[in-house]
Structure formats: structure tokens, C-alpha cells
Amino acid sequence: MFDFIDELKELKNNAVGYRYINYGGKLVIVQGYKDILFFDDTIVTLKLKTGELSVLGTKLVVTEFSTNSIKIVGNISKIEVEGIKDEDK
């Protein structure tokens, strides 16, 4: 059985330092981001330990955030990760 809390606890062991979960293109939770670089209703770009993660779609809204996790809802069409080296994956 999938345990969301256990999955988030494993974030510490993730060499890249981030994790995201996409719930059917309607909700994304990102753990381990460092900063919000840009956001509007079509894109949310987050700074990672190394690189960036962008959530693309329409009607995007940041509904919750803390120092290391963020919840984005809307019509999510794509998630892009840039700047991650192969040895970091």
C-alpha cells in the first residue's frame, strides 16, 4: 500500500534533494525546493538544490507552501526539470 508520509520521509535519502508527486494532472506536491523563481496562472518555476522544476498548465494556483514543500493545483499539462546532472539522478 502506498504511504504518502513514508514517501516524503525518504526525501532525505534522495541524492537530488527533491521529489514531486503528480495527482492526475490536477495537483502537484513538490518537496525539497529552495525558492519560488516565477509563478503565474500558466507556469510555476521552482529553484532546486541543482537546477529548476517548472509546472506548466492553466489556472495554476499555489494553495500551500512552506520552507521546503509546495502544493500547486490547476490543469497541469507538464512538469519539466532542468539542470540536473546525470550523476545526480
PDB file of N, CA and C in Angstrom:
ATOM      1  N   MET A   1       0.844  -1.183   0.000  1.00  0.00           N
ATOM      2  CA  MET A   1       0.000   0.000   0.000  1.00  0.00           C
ATOM      3  C   MET A   1       0.892   1.250   0.000  1.00  0.00           C
ATOM      4  N   PHE A   2       0.541   2.222  -0.801  1.00  0.00           N
ATOM      5  CA  PHE A   2       1.296   3.472  -0.908  1.00  0.00           C
ATOM      6  C   PHE A   2       1.072   4.318   0.341  1.00  0.00           C
ATOM      7  N   ASP A   3       2.155   4.742   0.968  1.00  0.00           N
ATOM      8  CA  ASP A   3       2.072   5.587   2.158  1.00  0.00           C
ATOM      9  C   ASP A   3       2.767   6.906   1.859  1.00  0.00           C
ATOM     10  N   PHE A   4       1.967   7.945   1.652  1.00  0.00           N
ATOM     11  CA  PHE A   4       2.487   9.253   1.259  1.00  0.00           C
ATOM     12  C   PHE A   4       3.508   9.786   2.263  1.00  0.00           C
ATOM     13  N   ILE A   5       3.227   9.663   3.541  1.00  0.00           N
ATOM     14  CA  ILE A   5       4.126  10.182   4.582  1.00  0.00           C
ATOM     15  C   ILE A   5       5.471   9.463   4.527  1.00  0.00           C
ATOM     16  N   ASP A   6       5.468   8.145   4.377  1.00  0.00           N
ATOM     17  CA  ASP A   6       6.728   7.405   4.271  1.00  0.00           C
ATOM     18  C   ASP A   6       7.521   7.833   3.040  1.00  0.00           C
ATOM     19  N   GLU A   7       6.810   8.077   1.942  1.00  0.00           N
ATOM     20  CA  GLU A   7       7.485   8.533   0.724  1.00  0.00           C
ATOM     21  C   GLU A   7       8.159   9.878   0.955  1.00  0.00           C
ATOM     22  N   LEU A   8       7.499  10.780   1.649  1.00  0.00           N
ATOM     23  CA  LEU A   8       8.086  12.095   1.910  1.00  0.00           C
ATOM     24  C   LEU A   8       9.278  11.992   2.853  1.00  0.00           C
ATOM     25  N   LYS A   9       9.225  11.077   3.802  1.00  0.00           N
ATOM     26  CA  LYS A   9      10.346  10.887   4.710  1.00  0.00           C
ATOM     27  C   LYS A   9      11.591  10.432   3.965  1.00  0.00           C
ATOM     28  N   GLU A  10      11.408   9.707   2.864  1.00  0.00           N
ATOM     29  CA  GLU A  10      12.536   9.226   2.076  1.00  0.00           C
ATOM     30  C   GLU A  10      13.231  10.352   1.318  1.00  0.00           C
ATOM     31  N   LEU A  11      12.636  11.533   1.299  1.00  0.00           N
ATOM     32  CA  LEU A  11      13.229  12.676   0.606  1.00  0.00           C
ATOM     33  C   LEU A  11      14.651  12.924   1.075  1.00  0.00           C
ATOM     34  N   LYS A  12      14.925  12.756   2.355  1.00  0.00           N
ATOM     35  CA  LYS A  12      16.256  12.973   2.888  1.00  0.00           C
ATOM     36  C   LYS A  12      17.290  12.078   2.214  1.00  0.00           C
ATOM     37  N   ASN A  13      16.854  10.908   1.775  1.00  0.00           N
ATOM     38  CA  ASN A  13      17.764   9.951   1.155  1.00  0.00           C
ATOM     39  C   ASN A  13      17.900  10.161  -0.353  1.00  0.00           C
ATOM     40  N   ASN A  14      17.125  11.065  -0.912  1.00  0.00           N
ATOM     41  CA  ASN A  14      17.157  11.345  -2.337  1.00  0.00           C
ATOM     42  C   ASN A  14      18.385  12.207  -2.646  1.00  0.00           C
ATOM     43  N   ALA A  15      19.307  11.702  -3.448  1.00  0.00           N
ATOM     44  CA  ALA A  15      20.561  12.404  -3.735  1.00  0.00           C
ATOM     45  C   ALA A  15      20.331  13.760  -4.399  1.00  0.00           C
ATOM     46  N   VAL A  16      19.259  13.887  -5.155  1.00  0.00           N
ATOM     47  CA  VAL A  16      18.974  15.134  -5.853  1.00  0.00           C
ATOM     48  C   VAL A  16      18.359  16.148  -4.891  1.00  0.00           C
ATOM     49  N   GLY A  17      17.713  15.695  -3.844  1.00  0.00           N
ATOM     50  CA  GLY A  17      17.177  16.593  -2.838  1.00  0.00           C
ATOM     51  C   GLY A  17      15.764  17.079  -3.063  1.00  0.00           C
ATOM     52  N   TYR A  18      15.056  16.536  -4.056  1.00  0.00           N
ATOM     53  CA  TYR A  18      13.675  16.939  -4.274  1.00  0.00           C
ATOM     54  C   TYR A  18      12.855  15.726  -4.701  1.00  0.00           C
ATOM     55  N   ARG A  19      11.563  15.887  -4.583  1.00  0.00           N
ATOM     56  CA  ARG A  19      10.627  14.848  -5.027  1.00  0.00           C
ATOM     57  C   ARG A  19       9.315  15.546  -5.362  1.00  0.00           C
ATOM     58  N   TYR A  20       8.632  15.053  -6.401  1.00  0.00           N
ATOM     59  CA  TYR A  20       7.297  15.581  -6.669  1.00  0.00           C
ATOM     60  C   TYR A  20       6.337  14.436  -6.940  1.00  0.00           C
ATOM     61  N   ILE A  21       5.089  14.688  -6.621  1.00  0.00           N
ATOM     62  CA  ILE A  21       4.024  13.731  -6.874  1.00  0.00           C
ATOM     63  C   ILE A  21       2.928  14.460  -7.629  1.00  0.00           C
ATOM     64  N   ASN A  22       2.550  13.914  -8.787  1.00  0.00           N
ATOM     65  CA  ASN A  22       1.509  14.492  -9.630  1.00  0.00           C
ATOM     66  C   ASN A  22       0.252  13.649  -9.464  1.00  0.00           C
ATOM     67  N   TYR A  23      -0.805  14.271  -8.980  1.00  0.00           N
ATOM     68  CA  TYR A  23      -2.076  13.588  -8.769  1.00  0.00           C
ATOM     69  C   TYR A  23      -3.021  13.865  -9.931  1.00  0.00           C
ATOM     70  N   GLY A  24      -2.908  13.063 -10.982  1.00  0.00           N
ATOM     71  CA  GLY A  24      -3.850  13.111 -12.094  1.00  0.00           C
ATOM     72  C   GLY A  24      -3.921  14.410 -12.856  1.00  0.00           C
ATOM     73  N   GLY A  25      -2.853  15.181 -12.849  1.00  0.00           N
ATOM     74  CA  GLY A  25      -2.849  16.427 -13.601  1.00  0.00           C
ATOM     75  C   GLY A  25      -3.680  17.541 -12.976  1.00  0.00           C
ATOM     76  N   LYS A  26      -4.085  17.353 -11.733  1.00  0.00           N
ATOM     77  CA  LYS A  26      -4.888  18.373 -11.038  1.00  0.00           C
ATOM     78  C   LYS A  26      -4.182  18.939  -9.811  1.00  0.00           C
ATOM     79  N   LEU A  27      -3.180  18.222  -9.289  1.00  0.00           N
ATOM     80  CA  LEU A  27      -2.487  18.620  -8.073  1.00  0.00           C
ATOM     81  C   LEU A  27      -1.059  18.089  -8.121  1.00  0.00           C
ATOM     82  N   VAL A  28      -0.103  18.945  -7.784  1.00  0.00           N
ATOM     83  CA  VAL A  28       1.301  18.542  -7.669  1.00  0.00           C
ATOM     84  C   VAL A  28       1.803  18.999  -6.304  1.00  0.00           C
ATOM     85  N   ILE A  29       2.495  18.109  -5.615  1.00  0.00           N
ATOM     86  CA  ILE A  29       3.177  18.467  -4.378  1.00  0.00           C
ATOM     87  C   ILE A  29       4.665  18.271  -4.626  1.00  0.00           C
ATOM     88  N   VAL A  30       5.450  19.313  -4.370  1.00  0.00           N
ATOM     89  CA  VAL A  30       6.900  19.261  -4.551  1.00  0.00           C
ATOM     90  C   VAL A  30       7.537  19.417  -3.173  1.00  0.00           C
ATOM     91  N   GLN A  31       8.444  18.509  -2.852  1.00  0.00           N
ATOM     92  CA  GLN A  31       9.199  18.557  -1.607  1.00  0.00           C
ATOM     93  C   GLN A  31      10.658  18.834  -1.946  1.00  0.00           C
ATOM     94  N   GLY A  32      11.311  19.673  -1.162  1.00  0.00           N
ATOM     95  CA  GLY A  32      12.742  19.900  -1.336  1.00  0.00           C
ATOM     96  C   GLY A  32      13.107  21.055  -2.251  1.00  0.00           C
ATOM     97  N   TYR A  33      12.152  21.931  -2.572  1.00  0.00           N
ATOM     98  CA  TYR A  33      12.510  23.091  -3.396  1.00  0.00           C
ATOM     99  C   TYR A  33      13.192  24.137  -2.501  1.00  0.00           C
ATOM    100  N   LYS A  34      13.979  25.014  -3.116  1.00  0.00           N
ATOM    101  CA  LYS A  34      14.710  26.033  -2.366  1.00  0.00           C
ATOM    102  C   LYS A  34      14.053  27.413  -2.423  1.00  0.00           C
ATOM    103  N   ASP A  35      13.422  27.737  -3.560  1.00  0.00           N
ATOM    104  CA  ASP A  35      12.839  29.066  -3.729  1.00  0.00           C
ATOM    105  C   ASP A  35      11.824  29.026  -4.862  1.00  0.00           C
ATOM    106  N   ILE A  36      10.892  29.969  -4.867  1.00  0.00           N
ATOM    107  CA  ILE A  36       9.970  30.157  -5.984  1.00  0.00           C
ATOM    108  C   ILE A  36      10.600  31.210  -6.885  1.00  0.00           C
ATOM    109  N   LEU A  37      10.943  30.813  -8.113  1.00  0.00           N
ATOM    110  CA  LEU A  37      11.588  31.743  -9.042  1.00  0.00           C
ATOM    111  C   LEU A  37      10.578  32.559  -9.836  1.00  0.00           C
ATOM    112  N   PHE A  38       9.453  31.928 -10.192  1.00  0.00           N
ATOM    113  CA  PHE A  38       8.447  32.612 -11.007  1.00  0.00           C
ATOM    114  C   PHE A  38       7.117  31.889 -10.836  1.00  0.00           C
ATOM    115  N   PHE A  39       6.031  32.643 -10.848  1.00  0.00           N
ATOM    116  CA  PHE A  39       4.725  31.991 -10.929  1.00  0.00           C
ATOM    117  C   PHE A  39       3.683  32.926 -11.512  1.00  0.00           C
ATOM    118  N   ASP A  40       2.817  32.339 -12.292  1.00  0.00           N
ATOM    119  CA  ASP A  40       1.579  32.971 -12.740  1.00  0.00           C
ATOM    120  C   ASP A  40       0.585  31.833 -12.964  1.00  0.00           C
ATOM    121  N   ASP A  41      -0.509  32.075 -13.664  1.00  0.00           N
ATOM    122  CA  ASP A  41      -1.529  31.036 -13.785  1.00  0.00           C
ATOM    123  C   ASP A  41      -1.221  29.978 -14.842  1.00  0.00           C
ATOM    124  N   THR A  42      -0.054  30.093 -15.534  1.00  0.00           N
ATOM    125  CA  THR A  42       0.315  29.090 -16.535  1.00  0.00           C
ATOM    126  C   THR A  42       1.644  28.392 -16.243  1.00  0.00           C
ATOM    127  N   ILE A  43       2.453  28.918 -15.332  1.00  0.00           N
ATOM    128  CA  ILE A  43       3.737  28.291 -15.013  1.00  0.00           C
ATOM    129  C   ILE A  43       4.163  28.646 -13.584  1.00  0.00           C
ATOM    130  N   VAL A  44       4.701  27.653 -12.900  1.00  0.00           N
ATOM    131  CA  VAL A  44       5.321  27.859 -11.595  1.00  0.00           C
ATOM    132  C   VAL A  44       6.709  27.251 -11.696  1.00  0.00           C
ATOM    133  N   THR A  45       7.759  28.064 -11.505  1.00  0.00           N
ATOM    134  CA  THR A  45       9.138  27.597 -11.598  1.00  0.00           C
ATOM    135  C   THR A  45       9.786  27.672 -10.224  1.00  0.00           C
ATOM    136  N   LEU A  46      10.363  26.536  -9.821  1.00  0.00           N
ATOM    137  CA  LEU A  46      10.979  26.418  -8.509  1.00  0.00           C
ATOM    138  C   LEU A  46      12.469  26.166  -8.637  1.00  0.00           C
ATOM    139  N   LYS A  47      13.257  26.780  -7.770  1.00  0.00           N
ATOM    140  CA  LYS A  47      14.686  26.513  -7.699  1.00  0.00           C
ATOM    141  C   LYS A  47      14.881  25.250  -6.860  1.00  0.00           C
ATOM    142  N   LEU A  48      15.709  24.337  -7.370  1.00  0.00           N
ATOM    143  CA  LEU A  48      16.056  23.115  -6.663  1.00  0.00           C
ATOM    144  C   LEU A  48      17.486  23.224  -6.155  1.00  0.00           C
ATOM    145  N   LYS A  49      17.944  22.213  -5.470  1.00  0.00           N
ATOM    146  CA  LYS A  49      19.336  22.173  -5.000  1.00  0.00           C
ATOM    147  C   LYS A  49      20.281  22.383  -6.180  1.00  0.00           C
ATOM    148  N   THR A  50      20.034  21.677  -7.255  1.00  0.00           N
ATOM    149  CA  THR A  50      20.731  21.921  -8.519  1.00  0.00           C
ATOM    150  C   THR A  50      19.674  21.889  -9.614  1.00  0.00           C
ATOM    151  N   GLY A  51      19.460  22.982 -10.278  1.00  0.00           N
ATOM    152  CA  GLY A  51      18.503  23.038 -11.367  1.00  0.00           C
ATOM    153  C   GLY A  51      17.185  23.674 -10.986  1.00  0.00           C
ATOM    154  N   GLU A  52      16.208  23.469 -11.859  1.00  0.00           N
ATOM    155  CA  GLU A  52      14.887  24.058 -11.696  1.00  0.00           C
ATOM    156  C   GLU A  52      13.810  23.052 -12.061  1.00  0.00           C
ATOM    157  N   LEU A  53      12.647  23.204 -11.461  1.00  0.00           N
ATOM    158  CA  LEU A  53      11.476  22.406 -11.794  1.00  0.00           C
ATOM    159  C   LEU A  53      10.364  23.376 -12.155  1.00  0.00           C
ATOM    160  N   SER A  54       9.735  23.149 -13.308  1.00  0.00           N
ATOM    161  CA  SER A  54       8.632  24.006 -13.751  1.00  0.00           C
ATOM    162  C   SER A  54       7.370  23.173 -13.906  1.00  0.00           C
ATOM    163  N   VAL A  55       6.285  23.680 -13.358  1.00  0.00           N
ATOM    164  CA  VAL A  55       4.961  23.087 -13.526  1.00  0.00           C
ATOM    165  C   VAL A  55       4.238  23.969 -14.524  1.00  0.00           C
ATOM    166  N   LEU A  56       3.783  23.369 -15.643  1.00  0.00           N
ATOM    167  CA  LEU A  56       3.101  24.115 -16.698  1.00  0.00           C
ATOM    168  C   LEU A  56       1.658  23.664 -16.799  1.00  0.00           C
ATOM    169  N   GLY A  57       0.769  24.592 -17.150  1.00  0.00           N
ATOM    170  CA  GLY A  57      -0.642  24.269 -17.301  1.00  0.00           C
ATOM    171  C   GLY A  57      -1.478  25.520 -17.384  1.00  0.00           C
ATOM    172  N   THR A  58      -2.722  25.403 -16.950  1.00  0.00           N
ATOM    173  CA  THR A  58      -3.636  26.539 -16.926  1.00  0.00           C
ATOM    174  C   THR A  58      -4.307  26.595 -15.560  1.00  0.00           C
ATOM    175  N   LYS A  59      -4.724  27.774 -15.200  1.00  0.00           N
ATOM    176  CA  LYS A  59      -5.412  28.004 -13.918  1.00  0.00           C
ATOM    177  C   LYS A  59      -4.598  27.480 -12.732  1.00  0.00           C
ATOM    178  N   LEU A  60      -3.270  27.639 -12.789  1.00  0.00           N
ATOM    179  CA  LEU A  60      -2.408  27.164 -11.706  1.00  0.00           C
ATOM    180  C   LEU A  60      -2.482  28.114 -10.515  1.00  0.00           C
ATOM    181  N   VAL A  61      -2.574  27.526  -9.329  1.00  0.00           N
ATOM    182  CA  VAL A  61      -2.647  28.287  -8.090  1.00  0.00           C
ATOM    183  C   VAL A  61      -1.779  27.578  -7.052  1.00  0.00           C
ATOM    184  N   VAL A  62      -0.950  28.347  -6.360  1.00  0.00           N
ATOM    185  CA  VAL A  62      -0.198  27.817  -5.225  1.00  0.00           C
ATOM    186  C   VAL A  62      -1.140  27.900  -4.026  1.00  0.00           C
ATOM    187  N   THR A  63      -1.539  26.732  -3.508  1.00  0.00           N
ATOM    188  CA  THR A  63      -2.520  26.731  -2.422  1.00  0.00           C
ATOM    189  C   THR A  63      -1.884  26.601  -1.044  1.00  0.00           C
ATOM    190  N   GLU A  64      -0.703  26.013  -0.985  1.00  0.00           N
ATOM    191  CA  GLU A  64       0.018  25.876   0.283  1.00  0.00           C
ATOM    192  C   GLU A  64       1.509  25.879  -0.014  1.00  0.00           C
ATOM    193  N   PHE A  65       2.294  26.449   0.895  1.00  0.00           N
ATOM    194  CA  PHE A  65       3.739  26.321   0.775  1.00  0.00           C
ATOM    195  C   PHE A  65       4.379  26.519   2.136  1.00  0.00           C
ATOM    196  N   SER A  66       5.560  25.918   2.282  1.00  0.00           N
ATOM    197  CA  SER A  66       6.361  26.079   3.489  1.00  0.00           C
ATOM    198  C   SER A  66       7.810  26.232   3.038  1.00  0.00           C
ATOM    199  N   THR A  67       8.736  26.131   3.953  1.00  0.00           N
ATOM    200  CA  THR A  67      10.137  26.335   3.590  1.00  0.00           C
ATOM    201  C   THR A  67      10.672  25.258   2.660  1.00  0.00           C
ATOM    202  N   ASN A  68      10.024  24.075   2.582  1.00  0.00           N
ATOM    203  CA  ASN A  68      10.553  23.061   1.679  1.00  0.00           C
ATOM    204  C   ASN A  68       9.498  22.297   0.896  1.00  0.00           C
ATOM    205  N   SER A  69       8.208  22.600   1.067  1.00  0.00           N
ATOM    206  CA  SER A  69       7.181  21.919   0.279  1.00  0.00           C
ATOM    207  C   SER A  69       6.179  22.929  -0.269  1.00  0.00           C
ATOM    208  N   ILE A  70       5.607  22.571  -1.423  1.00  0.00           N
ATOM    209  CA  ILE A  70       4.649  23.455  -2.079  1.00  0.00           C
ATOM    210  C   ILE A  70       3.568  22.609  -2.738  1.00  0.00           C
ATOM    211  N   LYS A  71       2.347  23.100  -2.699  1.00  0.00           N
ATOM    212  CA  LYS A  71       1.197  22.427  -3.299  1.00  0.00           C
ATOM    213  C   LYS A  71       0.634  23.336  -4.385  1.00  0.00           C
ATOM    214  N   ILE A  72       0.541  22.802  -5.606  1.00  0.00           N
ATOM    215  CA  ILE A  72       0.066  23.559  -6.766  1.00  0.00           C
ATOM    216  C   ILE A  72      -1.134  22.823  -7.344  1.00  0.00           C
ATOM    217  N   VAL A  73      -2.239  23.536  -7.540  1.00  0.00           N
ATOM    218  CA  VAL A  73      -3.429  22.939  -8.143  1.00  0.00           C
ATOM    219  C   VAL A  73      -3.758  23.672  -9.438  1.00  0.00           C
ATOM    220  N   GLY A  74      -4.493  22.985 -10.317  1.00  0.00           N
ATOM    221  CA  GLY A  74      -4.891  23.547 -11.601  1.00  0.00           C
ATOM    222  C   GLY A  74      -4.941  22.452 -12.642  1.00  0.00           C
ATOM    223  N   ASN A  75      -4.940  22.861 -13.893  1.00  0.00           N
ATOM    224  CA  ASN A  75      -4.902  21.912 -15.009  1.00  0.00           C
ATOM    225  C   ASN A  75      -3.444  21.756 -15.430  1.00  0.00           C
ATOM    226  N   ILE A  76      -2.771  20.748 -14.889  1.00  0.00           N
ATOM    227  CA  ILE A  76      -1.333  20.571 -15.088  1.00  0.00           C
ATOM    228  C   ILE A  76      -1.089  19.750 -16.345  1.00  0.00           C
ATOM    229  N   SER A  77      -0.373  20.334 -17.291  1.00  0.00           N
ATOM    230  CA  SER A  77      -0.118  19.648 -18.556  1.00  0.00           C
ATOM    231  C   SER A  77       1.272  19.042 -18.630  1.00  0.00           C
ATOM    232  N   LYS A  78       2.232  19.592 -17.860  1.00  0.00           N
ATOM    233  CA  LYS A  78       3.612  19.132 -17.991  1.00  0.00           C
ATOM    234  C   LYS A  78       4.422  19.553 -16.777  1.00  0.00           C
ATOM    235  N   ILE A  79       5.403  18.715 -16.420  1.00  0.00           N
ATOM    236  CA  ILE A  79       6.380  19.057 -15.393  1.00  0.00           C
ATOM    237  C   ILE A  79       7.755  18.884 -16.023  1.00  0.00           C
ATOM    238  N   GLU A  80       8.546  19.944 -15.995  1.00  0.00           N
ATOM    239  CA  GLU A  80       9.880  19.920 -16.595  1.00  0.00           C
ATOM    240  C   GLU A  80      10.930  20.128 -15.516  1.00  0.00           C
ATOM    241  N   VAL A  81      12.015  19.351 -15.602  1.00  0.00           N
ATOM    242  CA  VAL A  81      13.140  19.508 -14.689  1.00  0.00           C
ATOM    243  C   VAL A  81      14.366  19.786 -15.548  1.00  0.00           C
ATOM    244  N   GLU A  82      15.074  20.872 -15.227  1.00  0.00           N
ATOM    245  CA  GLU A  82      16.267  21.260 -15.998  1.00  0.00           C
ATOM    246  C   GLU A  82      17.438  21.468 -15.061  1.00  0.00           C
ATOM    247  N   GLY A  83      18.640  21.202 -15.580  1.00  0.00           N
ATOM    248  CA  GLY A  83      19.849  21.496 -14.844  1.00  0.00           C
ATOM    249  C   GLY A  83      20.281  20.418 -13.881  1.00  0.00           C
ATOM    250  N   ILE A  84      19.656  19.246 -13.915  1.00  0.00           N
ATOM    251  CA  ILE A  84      20.063  18.146 -13.054  1.00  0.00           C
ATOM    252  C   ILE A  84      21.090  17.314 -13.816  1.00  0.00           C
ATOM    253  N   LYS A  85      22.270  17.121 -13.225  1.00  0.00           N
ATOM    254  CA  LYS A  85      23.300  16.316 -13.864  1.00  0.00           C
ATOM    255  C   LYS A  85      22.925  14.845 -13.789  1.00  0.00           C
ATOM    256  N   ASP A  86      23.390  14.056 -14.768  1.00  0.00           N
ATOM    257  CA  ASP A  86      23.088  12.626 -14.803  1.00  0.00           C
ATOM    258  C   ASP A  86      23.490  11.913 -13.529  1.00  0.00           C
ATOM    259  N   GLU A  87      24.632  12.282 -12.936  1.00  0.00           N
ATOM    260  CA  GLU A  87      25.071  11.604 -11.712  1.00  0.00           C
ATOM    261  C   GLU A  87      24.210  11.966 -10.513  1.00  0.00           C
ATOM    262  N   ASP A  88      23.400  13.045 -10.625  1.00  0.00           N
ATOM    263  CA  ASP A  88      22.512  13.445  -9.541  1.00  0.00           C
ATOM    264  C   ASP A  88      21.180  12.710  -9.587  1.00  0.00           C
ATOM    265  N   LYS A  89      20.842  12.111 -10.726  1.00  0.00           N
ATOM    266  CA  LYS A  89      19.526  11.471 -10.871  1.00  0.00           C
ATOM    267  C   LYS A  89      19.460  10.180 -10.121  1.00  0.00           C
TER     268      LYS A  89
END
